[in-house]
């Protein structure tokens, strides 16, 4: 069983219709104190923290660049001082690909995308690792994408980073086993997060998805919530497919 109380950190939880926000609120409804981070939209993270407190749980919003390890260490130290050691980590922070071809890719943009999407997950794992090992309990969930499984035209940085997240997950699971730390990855196909998409593009996309629709953030959040629960204690190094069949060969 997990230590009490549980303290979760959900990174990249500042978007109003995002998976991070929905996950943070879902965990709070299950009796977990939840810290959230935001960077470019810190006001959104503050709003989520307020919602969590209204649910009767403790919360803190931290402005943290997850791609910067020094910033991560500082942010997690602040969370620990107010809520206690982090036992649940959801690495959701990412920078979506800009649909730029290799020829036109700016190297600074490439490095930033890799840092925000891949390095960020490792930074947060490393900064919370000692406490999880000392507590002999931890739940880590990384978020990947179909771009990490199938690639994406104009998404070399995002696809490479999300593929790296899958490999990172399995390695962390191996090291965490003796400490009762599990690490799983939820792989998302398409989600209704409010990101703009042309009607014709959405129609074509839905035809490729066996479910004929994008996932709702709550569906993804429910999968994450299971991964961090006591019921999932035997599950580690797993790829949780939330792609709705988008990764299958469909005519």
C-alpha atoms as a PDB file:
ATOM      1  CA  UNK A   1       0.000   0.000   0.000  1.00  0.00           C
ATOM      2  CA  UNK A   2       1.027   3.573  -0.582  1.00  0.00           C
ATOM      3  CA  UNK A   3       2.310   5.923   2.106  1.00  0.00           C
ATOM      4  CA  UNK A   4      -0.091   8.459   3.509  1.00  0.00           C
ATOM      5  CA  UNK A   5      -0.685  11.155   2.591  1.00  0.00           C
ATOM      6  CA  UNK A   6      -0.182  10.931  -1.154  1.00  0.00           C
ATOM      7  CA  UNK A   7       1.288  13.982  -2.875  1.00  0.00           C
ATOM      8  CA  UNK A   8       1.149  14.258  -6.651  1.00  0.00           C
ATOM      9  CA  UNK A   9       2.899  16.540  -9.100  1.00  0.00           C
ATOM     10  CA  UNK A  10       1.335  17.097 -12.520  1.00  0.00           C
ATOM     11  CA  UNK A  11       3.516  19.126 -14.876  1.00  0.00           C
ATOM     12  CA  UNK A  12       2.107  21.210 -17.711  1.00  0.00           C
ATOM     13  CA  UNK A  13      -1.303  21.580 -16.047  1.00  0.00           C
ATOM     14  CA  UNK A  14      -2.079  25.154 -17.042  1.00  0.00           C
ATOM     15  CA  UNK A  15      -4.229  24.777 -20.158  1.00  0.00           C
ATOM     16  CA  UNK A  16      -7.989  25.240 -19.496  1.00  0.00           C
ATOM     17  CA  UNK A  17      -9.035  22.156 -21.472  1.00  0.00           C
ATOM     18  CA  UNK A  18      -5.783  20.257 -21.192  1.00  0.00           C
ATOM     19  CA  UNK A  19      -4.995  16.744 -20.033  1.00  0.00           C
ATOM     20  CA  UNK A  20      -2.784  18.074 -17.226  1.00  0.00           C
ATOM     21  CA  UNK A  21      -5.564  20.135 -15.665  1.00  0.00           C
ATOM     22  CA  UNK A  22      -8.094  17.319 -15.953  1.00  0.00           C
ATOM     23  CA  UNK A  23      -5.653  14.834 -14.456  1.00  0.00           C
ATOM     24  CA  UNK A  24      -4.831  17.119 -11.530  1.00  0.00           C
ATOM     25  CA  UNK A  25      -8.503  17.560 -10.704  1.00  0.00           C
ATOM     26  CA  UNK A  26      -9.197  13.839 -11.091  1.00  0.00           C
ATOM     27  CA  UNK A  27      -6.439  12.947  -8.635  1.00  0.00           C
ATOM     28  CA  UNK A  28      -7.657  15.584  -6.195  1.00  0.00           C
ATOM     29  CA  UNK A  29     -11.158  14.076  -6.291  1.00  0.00           C
ATOM     30  CA  UNK A  30      -9.560  10.781  -5.248  1.00  0.00           C
ATOM     31  CA  UNK A  31      -8.187  12.342  -2.078  1.00  0.00           C
ATOM     32  CA  UNK A  32      -4.696  13.264  -3.268  1.00  0.00           C
ATOM     33  CA  UNK A  33      -2.934  16.573  -2.622  1.00  0.00           C
ATOM     34  CA  UNK A  34      -1.769  17.869  -5.999  1.00  0.00           C
ATOM     35  CA  UNK A  35       0.920  20.331  -7.050  1.00  0.00           C
ATOM     36  CA  UNK A  36       0.730  21.700 -10.580  1.00  0.00           C
ATOM     37  CA  UNK A  37       3.176  23.545 -12.780  1.00  0.00           C
ATOM     38  CA  UNK A  38       2.933  25.986 -15.616  1.00  0.00           C
ATOM     39  CA  UNK A  39       5.439  28.175 -17.370  1.00  0.00           C
ATOM     40  CA  UNK A  40       4.203  30.260 -20.278  1.00  0.00           C
ATOM     41  CA  UNK A  41       0.656  30.253 -18.829  1.00  0.00           C
ATOM     42  CA  UNK A  42       1.297  30.314 -15.098  1.00  0.00           C
ATOM     43  CA  UNK A  43      -2.054  31.997 -14.454  1.00  0.00           C
ATOM     44  CA  UNK A  44      -3.713  28.825 -15.702  1.00  0.00           C
ATOM     45  CA  UNK A  45      -1.764  26.747 -13.183  1.00  0.00           C
ATOM     46  CA  UNK A  46      -2.819  29.095 -10.389  1.00  0.00           C
ATOM     47  CA  UNK A  47      -6.446  28.649 -11.431  1.00  0.00           C
ATOM     48  CA  UNK A  48      -6.132  24.847 -11.303  1.00  0.00           C
ATOM     49  CA  UNK A  49      -4.565  25.001  -7.841  1.00  0.00           C
ATOM     50  CA  UNK A  50      -7.512  27.115  -6.678  1.00  0.00           C
ATOM     51  CA  UNK A  51      -9.950  24.536  -8.051  1.00  0.00           C
ATOM     52  CA  UNK A  52      -8.117  21.757  -6.230  1.00  0.00           C
ATOM     53  CA  UNK A  53      -8.308  23.642  -2.943  1.00  0.00           C
ATOM     54  CA  UNK A  54     -12.042  24.092  -3.488  1.00  0.00           C
ATOM     55  CA  UNK A  55     -12.269  20.299  -3.629  1.00  0.00           C
ATOM     56  CA  UNK A  56     -10.828  20.172  -0.116  1.00  0.00           C
ATOM     57  CA  UNK A  57      -7.284  19.111  -1.019  1.00  0.00           C
ATOM     58  CA  UNK A  58      -3.988  20.916  -0.542  1.00  0.00           C
ATOM     59  CA  UNK A  59      -2.381  22.352  -3.655  1.00  0.00           C
ATOM     60  CA  UNK A  60       0.351  24.643  -4.876  1.00  0.00           C
ATOM     61  CA  UNK A  61       1.083  26.074  -8.307  1.00  0.00           C
ATOM     62  CA  UNK A  62       4.740  26.478  -9.240  1.00  0.00           C
ATOM     63  CA  UNK A  63       6.078  28.413 -12.207  1.00  0.00           C
ATOM     64  CA  UNK A  64       8.688  25.987 -13.455  1.00  0.00           C
ATOM     65  CA  UNK A  65      10.538  25.462 -16.723  1.00  0.00           C
ATOM     66  CA  UNK A  66      10.612  21.661 -16.697  1.00  0.00           C
ATOM     67  CA  UNK A  67      13.267  21.689 -19.400  1.00  0.00           C
ATOM     68  CA  UNK A  68      15.708  23.361 -17.004  1.00  0.00           C
ATOM     69  CA  UNK A  69      17.004  21.032 -14.278  1.00  0.00           C
ATOM     70  CA  UNK A  70      17.979  23.801 -11.856  1.00  0.00           C
ATOM     71  CA  UNK A  71      14.481  25.249 -12.189  1.00  0.00           C
ATOM     72  CA  UNK A  72      12.976  21.809 -11.581  1.00  0.00           C
ATOM     73  CA  UNK A  73      15.014  21.236  -8.424  1.00  0.00           C
ATOM     74  CA  UNK A  74      13.957  24.622  -7.087  1.00  0.00           C
ATOM     75  CA  UNK A  75      10.285  24.035  -7.902  1.00  0.00           C
ATOM     76  CA  UNK A  76      10.152  20.561  -6.391  1.00  0.00           C
ATOM     77  CA  UNK A  77      11.885  21.799  -3.239  1.00  0.00           C
ATOM     78  CA  UNK A  78       9.133  24.393  -2.892  1.00  0.00           C
ATOM     79  CA  UNK A  79       6.446  21.742  -3.353  1.00  0.00           C
ATOM     80  CA  UNK A  80       8.087  19.473  -0.768  1.00  0.00           C
ATOM     81  CA  UNK A  81       8.293  22.281   1.775  1.00  0.00           C
ATOM     82  CA  UNK A  82       4.558  22.962   1.507  1.00  0.00           C
ATOM     83  CA  UNK A  83       2.981  19.589   0.718  1.00  0.00           C
ATOM     84  CA  UNK A  84       5.604  16.990   1.584  1.00  0.00           C
ATOM     85  CA  UNK A  85       7.596  14.535  -0.554  1.00  0.00           C
ATOM     86  CA  UNK A  86       6.172  13.788  -3.973  1.00  0.00           C
ATOM     87  CA  UNK A  87       5.007  10.173  -4.293  1.00  0.00           C
ATOM     88  CA  UNK A  88       3.102  10.475  -7.591  1.00  0.00           C
ATOM     89  CA  UNK A  89       4.594  12.112 -10.683  1.00  0.00           C
ATOM     90  CA  UNK A  90       2.770  12.760 -13.945  1.00  0.00           C
ATOM     91  CA  UNK A  91       5.107  14.097 -16.624  1.00  0.00           C
ATOM     92  CA  UNK A  92       2.734  15.930 -18.925  1.00  0.00           C
ATOM     93  CA  UNK A  93       4.777  19.011 -19.907  1.00  0.00           C
ATOM     94  CA  UNK A  94       5.582  19.077 -23.620  1.00  0.00           C
ATOM     95  CA  UNK A  95       6.104  21.332 -26.598  1.00  0.00           C
ATOM     96  CA  UNK A  96       4.053  20.289 -29.599  1.00  0.00           C
ATOM     97  CA  UNK A  97       5.858  20.043 -32.916  1.00  0.00           C
ATOM     98  CA  UNK A  98       5.631  23.068 -35.166  1.00  0.00           C
ATOM     99  CA  UNK A  99       5.078  21.092 -38.386  1.00  0.00           C
ATOM    100  CA  UNK A 100       8.401  22.267 -39.750  1.00  0.00           C
ATOM    101  CA  UNK A 101      10.327  20.144 -42.228  1.00  0.00           C
ATOM    102  CA  UNK A 102      13.885  19.052 -41.545  1.00  0.00           C
ATOM    103  CA  UNK A 103      15.215  21.537 -44.082  1.00  0.00           C
ATOM    104  CA  UNK A 104      13.524  24.440 -42.320  1.00  0.00           C
ATOM    105  CA  UNK A 105      14.131  23.323 -38.745  1.00  0.00           C
ATOM    106  CA  UNK A 106      15.917  25.873 -36.582  1.00  0.00           C
ATOM    107  CA  UNK A 107      18.333  24.123 -34.226  1.00  0.00           C
ATOM    108  CA  UNK A 108      17.403  26.325 -31.287  1.00  0.00           C
ATOM    109  CA  UNK A 109      13.750  25.349 -31.744  1.00  0.00           C
ATOM    110  CA  UNK A 110      14.758  21.682 -32.009  1.00  0.00           C
ATOM    111  CA  UNK A 111      16.712  21.762 -28.731  1.00  0.00           C
ATOM    112  CA  UNK A 112      13.923  23.620 -26.933  1.00  0.00           C
ATOM    113  CA  UNK A 113      11.332  21.065 -28.042  1.00  0.00           C
ATOM    114  CA  UNK A 114      13.506  18.149 -26.949  1.00  0.00           C
ATOM    115  CA  UNK A 115      14.207  19.789 -23.566  1.00  0.00           C
ATOM    116  CA  UNK A 116      10.556  20.596 -22.882  1.00  0.00           C
ATOM    117  CA  UNK A 117       9.208  17.241 -24.010  1.00  0.00           C
ATOM    118  CA  UNK A 118      11.878  14.658 -23.124  1.00  0.00           C
ATOM    119  CA  UNK A 119      14.453  16.194 -20.792  1.00  0.00           C
ATOM    120  CA  UNK A 120      11.636  17.560 -18.631  1.00  0.00           C
ATOM    121  CA  UNK A 121      10.421  14.064 -17.774  1.00  0.00           C
ATOM    122  CA  UNK A 122      13.892  12.926 -16.719  1.00  0.00           C
ATOM    123  CA  UNK A 123      14.499  16.137 -14.769  1.00  0.00           C
ATOM    124  CA  UNK A 124      11.369  15.604 -12.693  1.00  0.00           C
ATOM    125  CA  UNK A 125      12.069  11.892 -12.194  1.00  0.00           C
ATOM    126  CA  UNK A 126      15.610  12.582 -11.018  1.00  0.00           C
ATOM    127  CA  UNK A 127      14.515  15.365  -8.670  1.00  0.00           C
ATOM    128  CA  UNK A 128      11.861  13.179  -6.981  1.00  0.00           C
ATOM    129  CA  UNK A 129      13.707   9.858  -7.151  1.00  0.00           C
ATOM    130  CA  UNK A 130      15.479   9.899  -3.785  1.00  0.00           C
ATOM    131  CA  UNK A 131      12.275  10.593  -1.857  1.00  0.00           C
ATOM    132  CA  UNK A 132      10.397   7.828  -3.678  1.00  0.00           C
ATOM    133  CA  UNK A 133      13.250   5.387  -2.992  1.00  0.00           C
ATOM    134  CA  UNK A 134      13.350   6.371   0.686  1.00  0.00           C
ATOM    135  CA  UNK A 135       9.576   5.933   0.965  1.00  0.00           C
ATOM    136  CA  UNK A 136       9.771   2.579  -0.854  1.00  0.00           C
ATOM    137  CA  UNK A 137       6.790   3.653  -2.955  1.00  0.00           C
ATOM    138  CA  UNK A 138       6.255   5.738  -6.060  1.00  0.00           C
ATOM    139  CA  UNK A 139       4.081   6.068  -9.124  1.00  0.00           C
ATOM    140  CA  UNK A 140       5.425   7.699 -12.272  1.00  0.00           C
ATOM    141  CA  UNK A 141       3.383   8.205 -15.423  1.00  0.00           C
ATOM    142  CA  UNK A 142       4.902   9.663 -18.555  1.00  0.00           C
ATOM    143  CA  UNK A 143       2.815  10.974 -21.434  1.00  0.00           C
ATOM    144  CA  UNK A 144       3.726  10.054 -24.990  1.00  0.00           C
ATOM    145  CA  UNK A 145       2.029  10.468 -28.347  1.00  0.00           C
ATOM    146  CA  UNK A 146       1.285   8.607 -31.527  1.00  0.00           C
ATOM    147  CA  UNK A 147       4.064  10.751 -33.006  1.00  0.00           C
ATOM    148  CA  UNK A 148       6.451   8.768 -30.810  1.00  0.00           C
ATOM    149  CA  UNK A 149       5.126   5.506 -32.255  1.00  0.00           C
ATOM    150  CA  UNK A 150       4.504   6.349 -35.910  1.00  0.00           C
ATOM    151  CA  UNK A 151       6.382   9.603 -36.416  1.00  0.00           C
ATOM    152  CA  UNK A 152       4.833  12.688 -37.922  1.00  0.00           C
ATOM    153  CA  UNK A 153       5.545  14.765 -41.000  1.00  0.00           C
ATOM    154  CA  UNK A 154       7.155  18.010 -39.877  1.00  0.00           C
ATOM    155  CA  UNK A 155       7.394  16.730 -36.310  1.00  0.00           C
ATOM    156  CA  UNK A 156      10.959  15.430 -36.052  1.00  0.00           C
ATOM    157  CA  UNK A 157      11.621  17.015 -32.653  1.00  0.00           C
ATOM    158  CA  UNK A 158       8.264  16.071 -31.137  1.00  0.00           C
ATOM    159  CA  UNK A 159       8.265  12.548 -32.564  1.00  0.00           C
ATOM    160  CA  UNK A 160      11.838  11.891 -31.446  1.00  0.00           C
ATOM    161  CA  UNK A 161      11.146  13.253 -27.960  1.00  0.00           C
ATOM    162  CA  UNK A 162       7.950  11.257 -27.513  1.00  0.00           C
ATOM    163  CA  UNK A 163       9.677   8.074 -28.693  1.00  0.00           C
ATOM    164  CA  UNK A 164      12.389   8.814 -26.146  1.00  0.00           C
ATOM    165  CA  UNK A 165       9.756   9.091 -23.427  1.00  0.00           C
ATOM    166  CA  UNK A 166       8.701   5.491 -24.128  1.00  0.00           C
ATOM    167  CA  UNK A 167      12.274   4.230 -23.799  1.00  0.00           C
ATOM    168  CA  UNK A 168      12.803   6.330 -20.681  1.00  0.00           C
ATOM    169  CA  UNK A 169       9.731   4.776 -19.099  1.00  0.00           C
ATOM    170  CA  UNK A 170      11.016   1.227 -19.469  1.00  0.00           C
ATOM    171  CA  UNK A 171      14.446   2.071 -18.069  1.00  0.00           C
ATOM    172  CA  UNK A 172      12.940   3.866 -15.072  1.00  0.00           C
ATOM    173  CA  UNK A 173      10.643   0.900 -14.444  1.00  0.00           C
ATOM    174  CA  UNK A 174      13.657  -1.410 -14.316  1.00  0.00           C
ATOM    175  CA  UNK A 175      15.523   0.741 -11.808  1.00  0.00           C
ATOM    176  CA  UNK A 176      12.448   1.404  -9.708  1.00  0.00           C
ATOM    177  CA  UNK A 177      11.374  -2.191  -9.229  1.00  0.00           C
ATOM    178  CA  UNK A 178      13.279  -2.894  -6.024  1.00  0.00           C
ATOM    179  CA  UNK A 179      11.941   0.306  -4.467  1.00  0.00           C
ATOM    180  CA  UNK A 180       8.277  -0.408  -5.283  1.00  0.00           C
ATOM    181  CA  UNK A 181       8.316   2.436  -7.812  1.00  0.00           C
ATOM    182  CA  UNK A 182       6.319   1.810 -10.961  1.00  0.00           C
ATOM    183  CA  UNK A 183       6.682   3.742 -14.199  1.00  0.00           C
ATOM    184  CA  UNK A 184       4.231   3.526 -17.090  1.00  0.00           C
ATOM    185  CA  UNK A 185       3.584   5.561 -20.215  1.00  0.00           C
ATOM    186  CA  UNK A 186       0.211   6.634 -21.571  1.00  0.00           C
ATOM    187  CA  UNK A 187       0.308   7.045 -25.351  1.00  0.00           C
ATOM    188  CA  UNK A 188      -2.248   9.464 -26.749  1.00  0.00           C
ATOM    189  CA  UNK A 189      -3.520   9.570 -30.315  1.00  0.00           C
ATOM    190  CA  UNK A 190      -5.764  12.611 -30.625  1.00  0.00           C
ATOM    191  CA  UNK A 191      -7.435  14.468 -27.773  1.00  0.00           C
ATOM    192  CA  UNK A 192     -10.023  17.240 -27.594  1.00  0.00           C
ATOM    193  CA  UNK A 193      -7.904  19.740 -25.692  1.00  0.00           C
ATOM    194  CA  UNK A 194      -9.218  22.818 -27.463  1.00  0.00           C
ATOM    195  CA  UNK A 195      -6.262  23.124 -29.815  1.00  0.00           C
ATOM    196  CA  UNK A 196      -7.332  24.707 -33.109  1.00  0.00           C
ATOM    197  CA  UNK A 197      -7.850  22.310 -36.012  1.00  0.00           C
ATOM    198  CA  UNK A 198      -9.436  22.929 -39.403  1.00  0.00           C
ATOM    199  CA  UNK A 199     -12.728  21.103 -39.953  1.00  0.00           C
ATOM    200  CA  UNK A 200     -11.455  19.196 -42.984  1.00  0.00           C
ATOM    201  CA  UNK A 201      -8.345  18.048 -41.103  1.00  0.00           C
ATOM    202  CA  UNK A 202     -10.451  16.889 -38.153  1.00  0.00           C
ATOM    203  CA  UNK A 203     -12.752  14.979 -40.505  1.00  0.00           C
ATOM    204  CA  UNK A 204      -9.821  13.181 -42.126  1.00  0.00           C
ATOM    205  CA  UNK A 205      -8.325  12.407 -38.739  1.00  0.00           C
ATOM    206  CA  UNK A 206     -11.549  10.963 -37.355  1.00  0.00           C
ATOM    207  CA  UNK A 207     -11.816   8.641 -40.345  1.00  0.00           C
ATOM    208  CA  UNK A 208      -8.441   7.175 -39.399  1.00  0.00           C
ATOM    209  CA  UNK A 209      -9.500   6.555 -35.791  1.00  0.00           C
ATOM    210  CA  UNK A 210     -11.448   3.347 -35.214  1.00  0.00           C
ATOM    211  CA  UNK A 211     -13.415   5.119 -32.499  1.00  0.00           C
ATOM    212  CA  UNK A 212     -14.237   7.797 -35.121  1.00  0.00           C
ATOM    213  CA  UNK A 213     -13.506  10.558 -32.633  1.00  0.00           C
ATOM    214  CA  UNK A 214     -10.755  12.078 -30.565  1.00  0.00           C
ATOM    215  CA  UNK A 215     -10.449  11.147 -26.909  1.00  0.00           C
ATOM    216  CA  UNK A 216     -11.772  13.390 -24.186  1.00  0.00           C
ATOM    217  CA  UNK A 217      -9.267  14.651 -21.603  1.00  0.00           C
ATOM    218  CA  UNK A 218     -11.236  12.874 -18.878  1.00  0.00           C
ATOM    219  CA  UNK A 219     -10.706   9.525 -20.597  1.00  0.00           C
ATOM    220  CA  UNK A 220      -6.951  10.085 -20.576  1.00  0.00           C
ATOM    221  CA  UNK A 221      -7.046  11.321 -16.980  1.00  0.00           C
ATOM    222  CA  UNK A 222      -8.906   8.190 -15.888  1.00  0.00           C
ATOM    223  CA  UNK A 223      -6.201   6.001 -17.454  1.00  0.00           C
ATOM    224  CA  UNK A 224      -3.514   7.998 -15.643  1.00  0.00           C
ATOM    225  CA  UNK A 225      -5.443   7.775 -12.373  1.00  0.00           C
ATOM    226  CA  UNK A 226      -5.510   3.987 -12.655  1.00  0.00           C
ATOM    227  CA  UNK A 227      -1.755   3.851 -13.313  1.00  0.00           C
ATOM    228  CA  UNK A 228      -1.031   5.714 -10.063  1.00  0.00           C
ATOM    229  CA  UNK A 229      -3.497   3.753  -7.966  1.00  0.00           C
ATOM    230  CA  UNK A 230      -2.758   0.905  -5.559  1.00  0.00           C
ATOM    231  CA  UNK A 231      -4.656  -1.378  -7.944  1.00  0.00           C
ATOM    232  CA  UNK A 232      -1.916  -0.907 -10.565  1.00  0.00           C
ATOM    233  CA  UNK A 233       0.919  -1.988  -8.293  1.00  0.00           C
ATOM    234  CA  UNK A 234       1.777  -4.974 -10.500  1.00  0.00           C
ATOM    235  CA  UNK A 235       1.844  -2.869 -13.661  1.00  0.00           C
ATOM    236  CA  UNK A 236       5.135  -1.266 -14.655  1.00  0.00           C
ATOM    237  CA  UNK A 237       7.037  -0.539 -17.847  1.00  0.00           C
ATOM    238  CA  UNK A 238       3.710  -0.715 -19.674  1.00  0.00           C
ATOM    239  CA  UNK A 239       2.572   1.222 -22.718  1.00  0.00           C
ATOM    240  CA  UNK A 240      -1.025   2.229 -22.095  1.00  0.00           C
ATOM    241  CA  UNK A 241      -2.579   2.624 -25.541  1.00  0.00           C
ATOM    242  CA  UNK A 242      -5.056   5.521 -25.599  1.00  0.00           C
ATOM    243  CA  UNK A 243      -4.909   6.021 -29.359  1.00  0.00           C
ATOM    244  CA  UNK A 244      -8.393   4.782 -30.219  1.00  0.00           C
ATOM    245  CA  UNK A 245      -7.005   2.574 -32.975  1.00  0.00           C
ATOM    246  CA  UNK A 246      -5.276   5.448 -34.745  1.00  0.00           C
ATOM    247  CA  UNK A 247      -2.074   3.403 -34.748  1.00  0.00           C
ATOM    248  CA  UNK A 248      -3.713   0.453 -36.533  1.00  0.00           C
ATOM    249  CA  UNK A 249      -3.693  -0.121 -40.256  1.00  0.00           C
ATOM    250  CA  UNK A 250      -7.040   1.316 -41.339  1.00  0.00           C
ATOM    251  CA  UNK A 251      -8.318   1.665 -44.920  1.00  0.00           C
END
